[in-house]
Amino acid sequence: MPAERMPKINELLRANIAQAIREELEIPLGTVVSVISVSTSADLHYAKAYVSIVPDEKSQAILGFLNRHTKTIQAFLADKVVLRNTPKLQFMIDDIEQKAAEIDRLLDNLK
């Protein structure tokens, strides 16, 4: 598969996963789930969806909830996205901001 196609597929999946979460799942009030990015395997059989969850205290519970409802989201994707295979989803916490804050803290300590 051409390399320039993968970013388009990842973005298409990201947008549709976010829509599925909004429309198909009942996320508890006061919780915000944002799909930050999607990384799909070259054969399109697997995809990791990186999410940000606010508040942080609920992140593990909501992550578990999302991973328990992957079949619902995959069914939504199968209806909305035309691909040879609908990727098997795995949700993960996008912790890039936390890692960046940790690096900033370490750099500040060096000064």
PDB file of N, CA and C in Angstrom:
ATOM      1  N   MET A   1       0.846  -1.171   0.000  1.00  0.00           N
ATOM      2  CA  MET A   1       0.000   0.000   0.000  1.00  0.00           C
ATOM      3  C   MET A   1       0.896   1.239   0.000  1.00  0.00           C
ATOM      4  N   PRO A   2       0.594   2.196  -0.862  1.00  0.00           N
ATOM      5  CA  PRO A   2       1.422   3.402  -0.911  1.00  0.00           C
ATOM      6  C   PRO A   2       1.459   4.121   0.433  1.00  0.00           C
ATOM      7  N   ALA A   3       2.659   4.609   0.778  1.00  0.00           N
ATOM      8  CA  ALA A   3       2.857   5.252   2.079  1.00  0.00           C
ATOM      9  C   ALA A   3       2.011   6.499   2.242  1.00  0.00           C
ATOM     10  N   GLU A   4       1.730   7.223   1.154  1.00  0.00           N
ATOM     11  CA  GLU A   4       0.939   8.451   1.276  1.00  0.00           C
ATOM     12  C   GLU A   4      -0.531   8.178   1.589  1.00  0.00           C
ATOM     13  N   ARG A   5      -0.959   6.943   1.420  1.00  0.00           N
ATOM     14  CA  ARG A   5      -2.349   6.598   1.698  1.00  0.00           C
ATOM     15  C   ARG A   5      -2.606   6.379   3.194  1.00  0.00           C
ATOM     16  N   MET A   6      -1.613   5.906   3.914  1.00  0.00           N
ATOM     17  CA  MET A   6      -1.799   5.580   5.335  1.00  0.00           C
ATOM     18  C   MET A   6      -2.218   6.786   6.178  1.00  0.00           C
ATOM     19  N   PRO A   7      -1.601   7.964   6.031  1.00  0.00           N
ATOM     20  CA  PRO A   7      -2.078   9.102   6.837  1.00  0.00           C
ATOM     21  C   PRO A   7      -3.546   9.453   6.562  1.00  0.00           C
ATOM     22  N   LYS A   8      -3.976   9.295   5.321  1.00  0.00           N
ATOM     23  CA  LYS A   8      -5.383   9.564   4.981  1.00  0.00           C
ATOM     24  C   LYS A   8      -6.298   8.549   5.652  1.00  0.00           C
ATOM     25  N   ILE A   9      -5.901   7.292   5.624  1.00  0.00           N
ATOM     26  CA  ILE A   9      -6.700   6.245   6.277  1.00  0.00           C
ATOM     27  C   ILE A   9      -6.747   6.481   7.779  1.00  0.00           C
ATOM     28  N   ASN A  10      -5.597   6.790   8.374  1.00  0.00           N
ATOM     29  CA  ASN A  10      -5.559   7.043   9.820  1.00  0.00           C
ATOM     30  C   ASN A  10      -6.467   8.211  10.206  1.00  0.00           C
ATOM     31  N   GLU A  11      -6.447   9.278   9.425  1.00  0.00           N
ATOM     32  CA  GLU A  11      -7.302  10.435   9.722  1.00  0.00           C
ATOM     33  C   GLU A  11      -8.775  10.096   9.528  1.00  0.00           C
ATOM     34  N   LEU A  12      -9.097   9.339   8.489  1.00  0.00           N
ATOM     35  CA  LEU A  12     -10.475   8.914   8.254  1.00  0.00           C
ATOM     36  C   LEU A  12     -10.971   8.055   9.415  1.00  0.00           C
ATOM     37  N   LEU A  13     -10.145   7.130   9.863  1.00  0.00           N
ATOM     38  CA  LEU A  13     -10.519   6.294  11.005  1.00  0.00           C
ATOM     39  C   LEU A  13     -10.659   7.130  12.271  1.00  0.00           C
ATOM     40  N   ARG A  14      -9.738   8.070  12.501  1.00  0.00           N
ATOM     41  CA  ARG A  14      -9.797   8.927  13.692  1.00  0.00           C
ATOM     42  C   ARG A  14     -11.121   9.681  13.750  1.00  0.00           C
ATOM     43  N   ALA A  15     -11.497  10.301  12.642  1.00  0.00           N
ATOM     44  CA  ALA A  15     -12.747  11.077  12.602  1.00  0.00           C
ATOM     45  C   ALA A  15     -13.963  10.186  12.831  1.00  0.00           C
ATOM     46  N   ASN A  16     -13.966   9.005  12.231  1.00  0.00           N
ATOM     47  CA  ASN A  16     -15.123   8.116  12.372  1.00  0.00           C
ATOM     48  C   ASN A  16     -15.183   7.441  13.733  1.00  0.00           C
ATOM     49  N   ILE A  17     -14.030   7.155  14.335  1.00  0.00           N
ATOM     50  CA  ILE A  17     -14.032   6.617  15.700  1.00  0.00           C
ATOM     51  C   ILE A  17     -14.582   7.667  16.662  1.00  0.00           C
ATOM     52  N   ALA A  18     -14.162   8.918  16.487  1.00  0.00           N
ATOM     53  CA  ALA A  18     -14.681   9.997  17.341  1.00  0.00           C
ATOM     54  C   ALA A  18     -16.190  10.126  17.186  1.00  0.00           C
ATOM     55  N   GLN A  19     -16.675  10.043  15.950  1.00  0.00           N
ATOM     56  CA  GLN A  19     -18.114  10.117  15.706  1.00  0.00           C
ATOM     57  C   GLN A  19     -18.835   8.933  16.351  1.00  0.00           C
ATOM     58  N   ALA A  20     -18.262   7.747  16.253  1.00  0.00           N
ATOM     59  CA  ALA A  20     -18.878   6.564  16.861  1.00  0.00           C
ATOM     60  C   ALA A  20     -18.961   6.705  18.373  1.00  0.00           C
ATOM     61  N   ILE A  21     -17.917   7.231  18.986  1.00  0.00           N
ATOM     62  CA  ILE A  21     -17.940   7.422  20.441  1.00  0.00           C
ATOM     63  C   ILE A  21     -19.040   8.400  20.816  1.00  0.00           C
ATOM     64  N   ARG A  22     -19.169   9.479  20.052  1.00  0.00           N
ATOM     65  CA  ARG A  22     -20.222  10.479  20.326  1.00  0.00           C
ATOM     66  C   ARG A  22     -21.622   9.912  20.146  1.00  0.00           C
ATOM     67  N   GLU A  23     -21.815   9.155  19.063  1.00  0.00           N
ATOM     68  CA  GLU A  23     -23.168   8.749  18.683  1.00  0.00           C
ATOM     69  C   GLU A  23     -23.598   7.385  19.212  1.00  0.00           C
ATOM     70  N   GLU A  24     -22.674   6.476  19.416  1.00  0.00           N
ATOM     71  CA  GLU A  24     -23.034   5.097  19.747  1.00  0.00           C
ATOM     72  C   GLU A  24     -22.834   4.726  21.225  1.00  0.00           C
ATOM     73  N   LEU A  25     -21.982   5.456  21.928  1.00  0.00           N
ATOM     74  CA  LEU A  25     -21.675   5.111  23.316  1.00  0.00           C
ATOM     75  C   LEU A  25     -22.205   6.182  24.261  1.00  0.00           C
ATOM     76  N   GLU A  26     -22.503   5.766  25.468  1.00  0.00           N
ATOM     77  CA  GLU A  26     -22.948   6.702  26.492  1.00  0.00           C
ATOM     78  C   GLU A  26     -21.796   6.959  27.459  1.00  0.00           C
ATOM     79  N   ILE A  27     -21.031   7.987  27.145  1.00  0.00           N
ATOM     80  CA  ILE A  27     -19.914   8.389  28.005  1.00  0.00           C
ATOM     81  C   ILE A  27     -20.509   9.135  29.194  1.00  0.00           C
ATOM     82  N   PRO A  28     -20.045   8.862  30.412  1.00  0.00           N
ATOM     83  CA  PRO A  28     -20.600   9.539  31.588  1.00  0.00           C
ATOM     84  C   PRO A  28     -20.511  11.066  31.493  1.00  0.00           C
ATOM     85  N   LEU A  29     -21.524  11.738  32.018  1.00  0.00           N
ATOM     86  CA  LEU A  29     -21.519  13.199  32.037  1.00  0.00           C
ATOM     87  C   LEU A  29     -20.283  13.700  32.762  1.00  0.00           C
ATOM     88  N   GLY A  30     -19.774  14.826  32.304  1.00  0.00           N
ATOM     89  CA  GLY A  30     -18.599  15.406  32.927  1.00  0.00           C
ATOM     90  C   GLY A  30     -17.296  14.789  32.458  1.00  0.00           C
ATOM     91  N   THR A  31     -17.371  13.913  31.472  1.00  0.00           N
ATOM     92  CA  THR A  31     -16.179  13.269  30.927  1.00  0.00           C
ATOM     93  C   THR A  31     -16.052  13.639  29.457  1.00  0.00           C
ATOM     94  N   VAL A  32     -14.852  14.003  29.044  1.00  0.00           N
ATOM     95  CA  VAL A  32     -14.589  14.343  27.653  1.00  0.00           C
ATOM     96  C   VAL A  32     -13.571  13.346  27.100  1.00  0.00           C
ATOM     97  N   VAL A  33     -13.920  12.746  25.984  1.00  0.00           N
ATOM     98  CA  VAL A  33     -13.029  11.805  25.308  1.00  0.00           C
ATOM     99  C   VAL A  33     -12.700  12.387  23.942  1.00  0.00           C
ATOM    100  N   SER A  34     -11.414  12.599  23.687  1.00  0.00           N
ATOM    101  CA  SER A  34     -10.958  13.101  22.387  1.00  0.00           C
ATOM    102  C   SER A  34     -10.059  12.057  21.748  1.00  0.00           C
ATOM    103  N   VAL A  35     -10.336  11.750  20.491  1.00  0.00           N
ATOM    104  CA  VAL A  35      -9.478  10.825  19.750  1.00  0.00           C
ATOM    105  C   VAL A  35      -8.374  11.670  19.125  1.00  0.00           C
ATOM    106  N   ILE A  36      -7.156  11.496  19.606  1.00  0.00           N
ATOM    107  CA  ILE A  36      -6.028  12.315  19.189  1.00  0.00           C
ATOM    108  C   ILE A  36      -5.432  11.828  17.876  1.00  0.00           C
ATOM    109  N   SER A  37      -5.207  10.532  17.777  1.00  0.00           N
ATOM    110  CA  SER A  37      -4.630   9.984  16.550  1.00  0.00           C
ATOM    111  C   SER A  37      -4.944   8.500  16.454  1.00  0.00           C
ATOM    112  N   VAL A  38      -4.736   7.980  15.258  1.00  0.00           N
ATOM    113  CA  VAL A  38      -4.909   6.545  15.016  1.00  0.00           C
ATOM    114  C   VAL A  38      -3.682   6.063  14.255  1.00  0.00           C
ATOM    115  N   SER A  39      -3.186   4.906  14.646  1.00  0.00           N
ATOM    116  CA  SER A  39      -2.054   4.278  13.973  1.00  0.00           C
ATOM    117  C   SER A  39      -2.512   2.901  13.495  1.00  0.00           C
ATOM    118  N   THR A  40      -2.528   2.732  12.189  1.00  0.00           N
ATOM    119  CA  THR A  40      -3.033   1.501  11.585  1.00  0.00           C
ATOM    120  C   THR A  40      -1.879   0.653  11.066  1.00  0.00           C
ATOM    121  N   SER A  41      -1.987  -0.654  11.248  1.00  0.00           N
ATOM    122  CA  SER A  41      -0.957  -1.549  10.702  1.00  0.00           C
ATOM    123  C   SER A  41      -1.009  -1.511   9.175  1.00  0.00           C
ATOM    124  N   ALA A  42       0.085  -1.860   8.545  1.00  0.00           N
ATOM    125  CA  ALA A  42       0.190  -1.790   7.084  1.00  0.00           C
ATOM    126  C   ALA A  42      -0.841  -2.668   6.378  1.00  0.00           C
ATOM    127  N   ASP A  43      -1.219  -3.792   7.002  1.00  0.00           N
ATOM    128  CA  ASP A  43      -2.201  -4.679   6.386  1.00  0.00           C
ATOM    129  C   ASP A  43      -3.646  -4.313   6.738  1.00  0.00           C
ATOM    130  N   LEU A  44      -3.828  -3.238   7.494  1.00  0.00           N
ATOM    131  CA  LEU A  44      -5.143  -2.717   7.908  1.00  0.00           C
ATOM    132  C   LEU A  44      -5.927  -3.679   8.805  1.00  0.00           C
ATOM    133  N   HIS A  45      -5.251  -4.631   9.422  1.00  0.00           N
ATOM    134  CA  HIS A  45      -5.947  -5.546  10.314  1.00  0.00           C
ATOM    135  C   HIS A  45      -6.058  -5.007  11.737  1.00  0.00           C
ATOM    136  N   TYR A  46      -5.172  -4.121  12.127  1.00  0.00           N
ATOM    137  CA  TYR A  46      -5.146  -3.603  13.501  1.00  0.00           C
ATOM    138  C   TYR A  46      -4.992  -2.088  13.490  1.00  0.00           C
ATOM    139  N   ALA A  47      -5.607  -1.458  14.474  1.00  0.00           N
ATOM    140  CA  ALA A  47      -5.452  -0.009  14.621  1.00  0.00           C
ATOM    141  C   ALA A  47      -5.442   0.330  16.106  1.00  0.00           C
ATOM    142  N   LYS A  48      -4.512   1.208  16.473  1.00  0.00           N
ATOM    143  CA  LYS A  48      -4.460   1.732  17.836  1.00  0.00           C
ATOM    144  C   LYS A  48      -5.009   3.153  17.794  1.00  0.00           C
ATOM    145  N   ALA A  49      -6.009   3.402  18.611  1.00  0.00           N
ATOM    146  CA  ALA A  49      -6.595   4.731  18.703  1.00  0.00           C
ATOM    147  C   ALA A  49      -6.112   5.367  20.007  1.00  0.00           C
ATOM    148  N   TYR A  50      -5.418   6.488  19.887  1.00  0.00           N
ATOM    149  CA  TYR A  50      -4.881   7.194  21.050  1.00  0.00           C
ATOM    150  C   TYR A  50      -5.890   8.252  21.470  1.00  0.00           C
ATOM    151  N   VAL A  51      -6.325   8.170  22.724  1.00  0.00           N
ATOM    152  CA  VAL A  51      -7.356   9.072  23.223  1.00  0.00           C
ATOM    153  C   VAL A  51      -6.850   9.887  24.402  1.00  0.00           C
ATOM    154  N   SER A  52      -7.451  11.056  24.545  1.00  0.00           N
ATOM    155  CA  SER A  52      -7.215  11.901  25.708  1.00  0.00           C
ATOM    156  C   SER A  52      -8.532  11.942  26.472  1.00  0.00           C
ATOM    157  N   ILE A  53      -8.464  11.726  27.778  1.00  0.00           N
ATOM    158  CA  ILE A  53      -9.675  11.666  28.600  1.00  0.00           C
ATOM    159  C   ILE A  53      -9.561  12.674  29.732  1.00  0.00           C
ATOM    160  N   VAL A  54     -10.595  13.492  29.873  1.00  0.00           N
ATOM    161  CA  VAL A  54     -10.658  14.483  30.948  1.00  0.00           C
ATOM    162  C   VAL A  54     -11.926  14.204  31.732  1.00  0.00           C
ATOM    163  N   PRO A  55     -11.855  14.114  33.042  1.00  0.00           N
ATOM    164  CA  PRO A  55     -10.722  14.321  33.935  1.00  0.00           C
ATOM    165  C   PRO A  55      -9.820  13.086  33.985  1.00  0.00           C
ATOM    166  N   ASP A  56      -8.566  13.331  34.349  1.00  0.00           N
ATOM    167  CA  ASP A  56      -7.568  12.258  34.388  1.00  0.00           C
ATOM    168  C   ASP A  56      -7.949  11.129  35.342  1.00  0.00           C
ATOM    169  N   GLU A  57      -8.672  11.463  36.407  1.00  0.00           N
ATOM    170  CA  GLU A  57      -9.038  10.443  37.402  1.00  0.00           C
ATOM    171  C   GLU A  57      -9.907   9.341  36.800  1.00  0.00           C
ATOM    172  N   LYS A  58     -10.638   9.668  35.730  1.00  0.00           N
ATOM    173  CA  LYS A  58     -11.534   8.688  35.115  1.00  0.00           C
ATOM    174  C   LYS A  58     -10.901   7.991  33.911  1.00  0.00           C
ATOM    175  N   SER A  59      -9.655   8.324  33.606  1.00  0.00           N
ATOM    176  CA  SER A  59      -9.073   7.848  32.351  1.00  0.00           C
ATOM    177  C   SER A  59      -8.996   6.321  32.262  1.00  0.00           C
ATOM    178  N   GLN A  60      -8.569   5.645  33.313  1.00  0.00           N
ATOM    179  CA  GLN A  60      -8.461   4.186  33.247  1.00  0.00           C
ATOM    180  C   GLN A  60      -9.834   3.516  33.133  1.00  0.00           C
ATOM    181  N   ALA A  61     -10.811   4.040  33.850  1.00  0.00           N
ATOM    182  CA  ALA A  61     -12.160   3.471  33.775  1.00  0.00           C
ATOM    183  C   ALA A  61     -12.763   3.665  32.382  1.00  0.00           C
ATOM    184  N   ILE A  62     -12.593   4.856  31.824  1.00  0.00           N
ATOM    185  CA  ILE A  62     -13.143   5.133  30.491  1.00  0.00           C
ATOM    186  C   ILE A  62     -12.377   4.348  29.431  1.00  0.00           C
ATOM    187  N   LEU A  63     -11.071   4.211  29.597  1.00  0.00           N
ATOM    188  CA  LEU A  63     -10.277   3.416  28.660  1.00  0.00           C
ATOM    189  C   LEU A  63     -10.773   1.971  28.646  1.00  0.00           C
ATOM    190  N   GLY A  64     -11.026   1.418  29.800  1.00  0.00           N
ATOM    191  CA  GLY A  64     -11.585   0.068  29.880  1.00  0.00           C
ATOM    192  C   GLY A  64     -12.948  -0.017  29.219  1.00  0.00           C
ATOM    193  N   PHE A  65     -13.777   0.999  29.436  1.00  0.00           N
ATOM    194  CA  PHE A  65     -15.102   1.076  28.815  1.00  0.00           C
ATOM    195  C   PHE A  65     -14.968   1.072  27.293  1.00  0.00           C
ATOM    196  N   LEU A  66     -14.062   1.882  26.755  1.00  0.00           N
ATOM    197  CA  LEU A  66     -13.866   1.936  25.304  1.00  0.00           C
ATOM    198  C   LEU A  66     -13.390   0.589  24.761  1.00  0.00           C
ATOM    199  N   ASN A  67     -12.451  -0.030  25.443  1.00  0.00           N
ATOM    200  CA  ASN A  67     -11.939  -1.321  24.977  1.00  0.00           C
ATOM    201  C   ASN A  67     -12.982  -2.424  25.064  1.00  0.00           C
ATOM    202  N   ARG A  68     -13.925  -2.303  25.996  1.00  0.00           N
ATOM    203  CA  ARG A  68     -15.022  -3.283  26.071  1.00  0.00           C
ATOM    204  C   ARG A  68     -16.047  -3.070  24.959  1.00  0.00           C
ATOM    205  N   HIS A  69     -16.089  -1.876  24.374  1.00  0.00           N
ATOM    206  CA  HIS A  69     -17.087  -1.564  23.346  1.00  0.00           C
ATOM    207  C   HIS A  69     -16.474  -1.432  21.942  1.00  0.00           C
ATOM    208  N   THR A  70     -15.336  -2.084  21.734  1.00  0.00           N
ATOM    209  CA  THR A  70     -14.708  -1.989  20.416  1.00  0.00           C
ATOM    210  C   THR A  70     -15.573  -2.596  19.317  1.00  0.00           C
ATOM    211  N   LYS A  71     -16.313  -3.638  19.627  1.00  0.00           N
ATOM    212  CA  LYS A  71     -17.173  -4.263  18.603  1.00  0.00           C
ATOM    213  C   LYS A  71     -18.217  -3.283  18.088  1.00  0.00           C
ATOM    214  N   THR A  72     -18.801  -2.487  18.987  1.00  0.00           N
ATOM    215  CA  THR A  72     -19.787  -1.484  18.587  1.00  0.00           C
ATOM    216  C   THR A  72     -19.149  -0.456  17.659  1.00  0.00           C
ATOM    217  N   ILE A  73     -17.960  -0.005  18.025  1.00  0.00           N
ATOM    218  CA  ILE A  73     -17.272   1.009  17.225  1.00  0.00           C
ATOM    219  C   ILE A  73     -16.821   0.422  15.892  1.00  0.00           C
ATOM    220  N   GLN A  74     -16.343  -0.822  15.895  1.00  0.00           N
ATOM    221  CA  GLN A  74     -15.940  -1.471  14.656  1.00  0.00           C
ATOM    222  C   GLN A  74     -17.133  -1.660  13.716  1.00  0.00           C
ATOM    223  N   ALA A  75     -18.294  -1.984  14.254  1.00  0.00           N
ATOM    224  CA  ALA A  75     -19.497  -2.118  13.421  1.00  0.00           C
ATOM    225  C   ALA A  75     -19.849  -0.771  12.792  1.00  0.00           C
ATOM    226  N   PHE A  76     -19.728   0.310  13.570  1.00  0.00           N
ATOM    227  CA  PHE A  76     -19.972   1.655  13.056  1.00  0.00           C
ATOM    228  C   PHE A  76     -18.990   1.958  11.915  1.00  0.00           C
ATOM    229  N   LEU A  77     -17.715   1.640  12.133  1.00  0.00           N
ATOM    230  CA  LEU A  77     -16.703   1.875  11.103  1.00  0.00           C
ATOM    231  C   LEU A  77     -16.995   1.070   9.838  1.00  0.00           C
ATOM    232  N   ALA A  78     -17.430  -0.165   9.998  1.00  0.00           N
ATOM    233  CA  ALA A  78     -17.721  -1.016   8.843  1.00  0.00           C
ATOM    234  C   ALA A  78     -18.820  -0.403   7.981  1.00  0.00           C
ATOM    235  N   ASP A  79     -19.772   0.285   8.620  1.00  0.00           N
ATOM    236  CA  ASP A  79     -20.852   0.942   7.880  1.00  0.00           C
ATOM    237  C   ASP A  79     -20.408   2.240   7.219  1.00  0.00           C
ATOM    238  N   LYS A  80     -19.467   2.956   7.831  1.00  0.00           N
ATOM    239  CA  LYS A  80     -19.093   4.299   7.379  1.00  0.00           C
ATOM    240  C   LYS A  80     -17.853   4.356   6.498  1.00  0.00           C
ATOM    241  N   VAL A  81     -16.923   3.430   6.695  1.00  0.00           N
ATOM    242  CA  VAL A  81     -15.631   3.497   6.010  1.00  0.00           C
ATOM    243  C   VAL A  81     -15.486   2.284   5.093  1.00  0.00           C
ATOM    244  N   VAL A  82     -15.202   2.539   3.835  1.00  0.00           N
ATOM    245  CA  VAL A  82     -15.044   1.451   2.873  1.00  0.00           C
ATOM    246  C   VAL A  82     -13.564   1.056   2.824  1.00  0.00           C
ATOM    247  N   LEU A  83     -13.265  -0.053   3.472  1.00  0.00           N
ATOM    248  CA  LEU A  83     -11.925  -0.651   3.462  1.00  0.00           C
ATOM    249  C   LEU A  83     -12.097  -2.149   3.259  1.00  0.00           C
ATOM    250  N   ARG A  84     -11.057  -2.789   2.773  1.00  0.00           N
ATOM    251  CA  ARG A  84     -11.121  -4.240   2.590  1.00  0.00           C
ATOM    252  C   ARG A  84     -11.370  -4.934   3.928  1.00  0.00           C
ATOM    253  N   ASN A  85     -10.686  -4.467   4.965  1.00  0.00           N
ATOM    254  CA  ASN A  85     -10.858  -4.994   6.325  1.00  0.00           C
ATOM    255  C   ASN A  85     -11.190  -3.854   7.254  1.00  0.00           C
ATOM    256  N   THR A  86     -12.069  -4.110   8.202  1.00  0.00           N
ATOM    257  CA  THR A  86     -12.267  -3.155   9.283  1.00  0.00           C
ATOM    258  C   THR A  86     -11.258  -3.511  10.358  1.00  0.00           C
ATOM    259  N   PRO A  87     -10.362  -2.584  10.700  1.00  0.00           N
ATOM    260  CA  PRO A  87      -9.303  -2.914  11.653  1.00  0.00           C
ATOM    261  C   PRO A  87      -9.842  -3.286  13.028  1.00  0.00           C
ATOM    262  N   LYS A  88      -9.156  -4.206  13.675  1.00  0.00           N
ATOM    263  CA  LYS A  88      -9.446  -4.541  15.070  1.00  0.00           C
ATOM    264  C   LYS A  88      -8.864  -3.408  15.909  1.00  0.00           C
ATOM    265  N   LEU A  89      -9.702  -2.803  16.734  1.00  0.00           N
ATOM    266  CA  LEU A  89      -9.312  -1.611  17.481  1.00  0.00           C
ATOM    267  C   LEU A  89      -8.755  -1.926  18.857  1.00  0.00           C
ATOM    268  N   GLN A  90      -7.827  -1.092  19.264  1.00  0.00           N
ATOM    269  CA  GLN A  90      -7.321  -1.083  20.631  1.00  0.00           C
ATOM    270  C   GLN A  90      -7.180   0.383  21.014  1.00  0.00           C
ATOM    271  N   PHE A  91      -7.741   0.742  22.165  1.00  0.00           N
ATOM    272  CA  PHE A  91      -7.655   2.118  22.642  1.00  0.00           C
ATOM    273  C   PHE A  91      -6.513   2.244  23.631  1.00  0.00           C
ATOM    274  N   MET A  92      -5.801   3.361  23.515  1.00  0.00           N
ATOM    275  CA  MET A  92      -4.678   3.634  24.400  1.00  0.00           C
ATOM    276  C   MET A  92      -4.731   5.110  24.814  1.00  0.00           C
ATOM    277  N   ILE A  93      -4.213   5.390  25.997  1.00  0.00           N
ATOM    278  CA  ILE A  93      -4.139   6.770  26.469  1.00  0.00           C
ATOM    279  C   ILE A  93      -3.016   7.483  25.735  1.00  0.00           C
ATOM    280  N   ASP A  94      -3.311   8.661  25.204  1.00  0.00           N
ATOM    281  CA  ASP A  94      -2.285   9.497  24.589  1.00  0.00           C
ATOM    282  C   ASP A  94      -1.626  10.292  25.704  1.00  0.00           C
ATOM    283  N   ASP A  95      -0.429   9.883  26.060  1.00  0.00           N
ATOM    284  CA  ASP A  95       0.252  10.506  27.197  1.00  0.00           C
ATOM    285  C   ASP A  95       1.387  11.428  26.769  1.00  0.00           C
ATOM    286  N   ILE A  96       1.334  11.917  25.557  1.00  0.00           N
ATOM    287  CA  ILE A  96       2.408  12.769  25.051  1.00  0.00           C
ATOM    288  C   ILE A  96       2.548  14.052  25.872  1.00  0.00           C
ATOM    289  N   GLU A  97       1.417  14.616  26.300  1.00  0.00           N
ATOM    290  CA  GLU A  97       1.475  15.848  27.101  1.00  0.00           C
ATOM    291  C   GLU A  97       2.133  15.588  28.456  1.00  0.00           C
ATOM    292  N   GLN A  98       1.822  14.455  29.049  1.00  0.00           N
ATOM    293  CA  GLN A  98       2.422  14.115  30.333  1.00  0.00           C
ATOM    294  C   GLN A  98       3.918  13.875  30.185  1.00  0.00           C
ATOM    295  N   LYS A  99       4.321  13.228  29.097  1.00  0.00           N
ATOM    296  CA  LYS A  99       5.745  13.001  28.855  1.00  0.00           C
ATOM    297  C   LYS A  99       6.463  14.320  28.605  1.00  0.00           C
ATOM    298  N   ALA A 100       5.824  15.231  27.873  1.00  0.00           N
ATOM    299  CA  ALA A 100       6.428  16.538  27.609  1.00  0.00           C
ATOM    300  C   ALA A 100       6.594  17.321  28.903  1.00  0.00           C
ATOM    301  N   ALA A 101       5.599  17.264  29.779  1.00  0.00           N
ATOM    302  CA  ALA A 101       5.693  17.953  31.065  1.00  0.00           C
ATOM    303  C   ALA A 101       6.814  17.367  31.910  1.00  0.00           C
ATOM    304  N   GLU A 102       6.971  16.055  31.867  1.00  0.00           N
ATOM    305  CA  GLU A 102       8.046  15.404  32.620  1.00  0.00           C
ATOM    306  C   GLU A 102       9.415  15.824  32.085  1.00  0.00           C
ATOM    307  N   ILE A 103       9.551  15.898  30.774  1.00  0.00           N
ATOM    308  CA  ILE A 103      10.814  16.338  30.172  1.00  0.00           C
ATOM    309  C   ILE A 103      11.104  17.787  30.549  1.00  0.00           C
ATOM    310  N   ASP A 104      10.072  18.643  30.505  1.00  0.00           N
ATOM    311  CA  ASP A 104      10.247  20.040  30.917  1.00  0.00           C
ATOM    312  C   ASP A 104      10.703  20.132  32.365  1.00  0.00           C
ATOM    313  N   ARG A 105      10.118  19.323  33.226  1.00  0.00           N
ATOM    314  CA  ARG A 105      10.485  19.330  34.634  1.00  0.00           C
ATOM    315  C   ARG A 105      11.943  18.901  34.822  1.00  0.00           C
ATOM    316  N   LEU A 106      12.332  17.850  34.089  1.00  0.00           N
ATOM    317  CA  LEU A 106      13.714  17.377  34.172  1.00  0.00           C
ATOM    318  C   LEU A 106      14.705  18.424  33.646  1.00  0.00           C
ATOM    319  N   LEU A 107      14.328  19.078  32.554  1.00  0.00           N
ATOM    320  CA  LEU A 107      15.199  20.126  32.021  1.00  0.00           C
ATOM    321  C   LEU A 107      15.315  21.305  32.988  1.00  0.00           C
ATOM    322  N   ASP A 108      14.206  21.644  33.630  1.00  0.00           N
ATOM    323  CA  ASP A 108      14.235  22.732  34.619  1.00  0.00           C
ATOM    324  C   ASP A 108      15.143  22.368  35.789  1.00  0.00           C
ATOM    325  N   ASN A 109      15.159  21.108  36.169  1.00  0.00           N
ATOM    326  CA  ASN A 109      16.006  20.666  37.279  1.00  0.00           C
ATOM    327  C   ASN A 109      17.492  20.727  36.916  1.00  0.00           C
ATOM    328  N   LEU A 110      17.812  20.635  35.637  1.00  0.00           N
ATOM    329  CA  LEU A 110      19.199  20.696  35.202  1.00  0.00           C
ATOM    330  C   LEU A 110      19.779  22.117  35.269  1.00  0.00           C
ATOM    331  N   LYS A 111      18.901  23.095  35.204  1.00  0.00           N
ATOM    332  CA  LYS A 111      19.349  24.501  35.187  1.00  0.00           C
ATOM    333  C   LYS A 111      19.885  24.963  36.506  1.00  0.00           C
TER     334      LYS A 111
END
